[in-house]
Amino acid sequence: MTEATWGDATKTPDIEWTMSASLANVVRGGEDVPEVTNLQAAVRAWTTLDPAHRDQAVLTPERPILLDGASVPVFHGEAIAVLVERLPG
């Protein structure tokens, strides 16, 4: 029999940075066009936005991300900063 282990690692497992993600509600070239890329690139792109566009941004990963035991399917505005803190070096 295998024992289950519960701890911080199960509440926030490693994030799959290569999954697809969409960064929407940001202006590119004068138009509101969502960027579809991998999660890491989308989060890094969010860091380059001005504060007004950061507040309006919507990040939708391919699959929900488990953070602190909660499944998060969509990140809005400054909530994306939680992912910035976890970006790989």
C-alpha atoms as a PDB file:
ATOM      1  CA  MET A   1       0.000   0.000   0.000  1.00  0.00           C
ATOM      2  CA  THR A   2       1.243   3.504  -0.828  1.00  0.00           C
ATOM      3  CA  GLU A   3       0.786   6.334   1.590  1.00  0.00           C
ATOM      4  CA  ALA A   4      -0.373   9.719   0.382  1.00  0.00           C
ATOM      5  CA  THR A   5       1.769  12.705   1.204  1.00  0.00           C
ATOM      6  CA  TRP A   6       0.154  16.064   1.729  1.00  0.00           C
ATOM      7  CA  GLY A   7       2.108  19.260   1.950  1.00  0.00           C
ATOM      8  CA  ASP A   8       2.939  22.475   0.172  1.00  0.00           C
ATOM      9  CA  ALA A   9       4.092  20.638  -2.958  1.00  0.00           C
ATOM     10  CA  THR A  10       0.606  19.185  -3.461  1.00  0.00           C
ATOM     11  CA  LYS A  11      -1.029  22.575  -2.883  1.00  0.00           C
ATOM     12  CA  THR A  12       1.180  24.283  -5.480  1.00  0.00           C
ATOM     13  CA  PRO A  13       2.848  21.783  -7.804  1.00  0.00           C
ATOM     14  CA  ASP A  14       5.354  22.856 -10.442  1.00  0.00           C
ATOM     15  CA  ILE A  15       3.761  25.012 -13.117  1.00  0.00           C
ATOM     16  CA  GLU A  16       3.929  23.725 -16.689  1.00  0.00           C
ATOM     17  CA  TRP A  17       5.313  26.870 -18.315  1.00  0.00           C
ATOM     18  CA  THR A  18       5.205  25.379 -21.831  1.00  0.00           C
ATOM     19  CA  MET A  19       1.422  24.964 -21.944  1.00  0.00           C
ATOM     20  CA  SER A  20      -0.485  27.253 -24.302  1.00  0.00           C
ATOM     21  CA  ALA A  21      -1.899  30.482 -22.917  1.00  0.00           C
ATOM     22  CA  SER A  22      -3.748  33.534 -24.176  1.00  0.00           C
ATOM     23  CA  LEU A  23      -3.055  37.069 -22.987  1.00  0.00           C
ATOM     24  CA  ALA A  24      -6.076  39.206 -23.903  1.00  0.00           C
ATOM     25  CA  ASN A  25      -7.406  42.747 -23.393  1.00  0.00           C
ATOM     26  CA  VAL A  26      -4.082  44.330 -24.303  1.00  0.00           C
ATOM     27  CA  VAL A  27      -3.480  46.584 -27.284  1.00  0.00           C
ATOM     28  CA  ARG A  28      -0.997  45.485 -29.942  1.00  0.00           C
ATOM     29  CA  GLY A  29      -0.402  47.640 -32.964  1.00  0.00           C
ATOM     30  CA  GLY A  30      -3.386  49.845 -32.144  1.00  0.00           C
ATOM     31  CA  GLU A  31      -5.800  46.895 -31.918  1.00  0.00           C
ATOM     32  CA  ASP A  32      -7.068  44.671 -29.118  1.00  0.00           C
ATOM     33  CA  VAL A  33      -5.632  41.362 -30.309  1.00  0.00           C
ATOM     34  CA  PRO A  34      -5.035  38.457 -27.905  1.00  0.00           C
ATOM     35  CA  GLU A  35      -1.589  36.924 -27.899  1.00  0.00           C
ATOM     36  CA  VAL A  36      -1.569  33.128 -27.946  1.00  0.00           C
ATOM     37  CA  THR A  37       1.747  31.659 -26.893  1.00  0.00           C
ATOM     38  CA  ASN A  38       3.146  29.545 -24.078  1.00  0.00           C
ATOM     39  CA  LEU A  39       2.420  30.452 -20.464  1.00  0.00           C
ATOM     40  CA  GLN A  40       5.931  31.660 -19.686  1.00  0.00           C
ATOM     41  CA  ALA A  41       6.024  34.028 -22.683  1.00  0.00           C
ATOM     42  CA  ALA A  42       2.536  35.366 -21.891  1.00  0.00           C
ATOM     43  CA  VAL A  43       3.473  36.115 -18.278  1.00  0.00           C
ATOM     44  CA  ARG A  44       6.718  37.787 -19.372  1.00  0.00           C
ATOM     45  CA  ALA A  45       4.773  39.852 -21.953  1.00  0.00           C
ATOM     46  CA  TRP A  46       2.433  41.018 -19.183  1.00  0.00           C
ATOM     47  CA  THR A  47       5.422  42.415 -17.260  1.00  0.00           C
ATOM     48  CA  THR A  48       6.225  44.750 -20.179  1.00  0.00           C
ATOM     49  CA  LEU A  49       2.761  46.345 -20.255  1.00  0.00           C
ATOM     50  CA  ASP A  50       2.013  49.765 -18.827  1.00  0.00           C
ATOM     51  CA  PRO A  51      -0.050  49.755 -15.586  1.00  0.00           C
ATOM     52  CA  ALA A  52      -3.375  50.524 -17.321  1.00  0.00           C
ATOM     53  CA  HIS A  53      -3.005  47.567 -19.686  1.00  0.00           C
ATOM     54  CA  ARG A  54      -1.807  45.299 -16.868  1.00  0.00           C
ATOM     55  CA  ASP A  55      -5.032  46.041 -14.983  1.00  0.00           C
ATOM     56  CA  GLN A  56      -7.162  45.119 -18.025  1.00  0.00           C
ATOM     57  CA  ALA A  57      -5.210  42.012 -19.034  1.00  0.00           C
ATOM     58  CA  VAL A  58      -6.745  38.545 -18.912  1.00  0.00           C
ATOM     59  CA  LEU A  59      -4.468  35.499 -18.939  1.00  0.00           C
ATOM     60  CA  THR A  60      -6.082  32.169 -19.778  1.00  0.00           C
ATOM     61  CA  PRO A  61      -3.832  29.109 -19.555  1.00  0.00           C
ATOM     62  CA  GLU A  62      -4.588  25.918 -21.502  1.00  0.00           C
ATOM     63  CA  ARG A  63      -5.446  24.203 -18.214  1.00  0.00           C
ATOM     64  CA  PRO A  64      -6.216  25.576 -14.739  1.00  0.00           C
ATOM     65  CA  ILE A  65      -3.181  26.117 -12.519  1.00  0.00           C
ATOM     66  CA  LEU A  66      -3.169  24.815  -8.949  1.00  0.00           C
ATOM     67  CA  LEU A  67      -1.987  27.571  -6.580  1.00  0.00           C
ATOM     68  CA  ASP A  68      -2.122  27.174  -2.801  1.00  0.00           C
ATOM     69  CA  GLY A  69      -4.629  24.354  -3.204  1.00  0.00           C
ATOM     70  CA  ALA A  70      -7.001  26.330  -5.464  1.00  0.00           C
ATOM     71  CA  SER A  71      -7.529  25.628  -9.147  1.00  0.00           C
ATOM     72  CA  VAL A  72      -7.262  28.904 -11.078  1.00  0.00           C
ATOM     73  CA  PRO A  73      -8.545  28.785 -14.679  1.00  0.00           C
ATOM     74  CA  VAL A  74      -8.140  32.511 -15.511  1.00  0.00           C
ATOM     75  CA  PHE A  75      -5.987  35.328 -14.131  1.00  0.00           C
ATOM     76  CA  HIS A  76      -7.158  38.953 -14.280  1.00  0.00           C
ATOM     77  CA  GLY A  77      -5.027  42.091 -14.020  1.00  0.00           C
ATOM     78  CA  GLU A  78      -2.649  42.188 -11.069  1.00  0.00           C
ATOM     79  CA  ALA A  79      -3.447  38.554 -10.198  1.00  0.00           C
ATOM     80  CA  ILE A  80      -0.994  37.688 -12.981  1.00  0.00           C
ATOM     81  CA  ALA A  81       1.762  39.018 -10.698  1.00  0.00           C
ATOM     82  CA  VAL A  82       1.397  35.783  -8.667  1.00  0.00           C
ATOM     83  CA  LEU A  83       2.734  33.931 -11.699  1.00  0.00           C
ATOM     84  CA  VAL A  84       5.498  36.486 -12.279  1.00  0.00           C
ATOM     85  CA  GLU A  85       6.851  35.612  -8.828  1.00  0.00           C
ATOM     86  CA  ARG A  86       7.052  31.951  -9.865  1.00  0.00           C
ATOM     87  CA  LEU A  87       8.668  32.415 -13.295  1.00  0.00           C
ATOM     88  CA  PRO A  88      11.680  30.194 -13.862  1.00  0.00           C
ATOM     89  CA  GLY A  89      15.037  31.978 -14.008  1.00  0.00           C
END
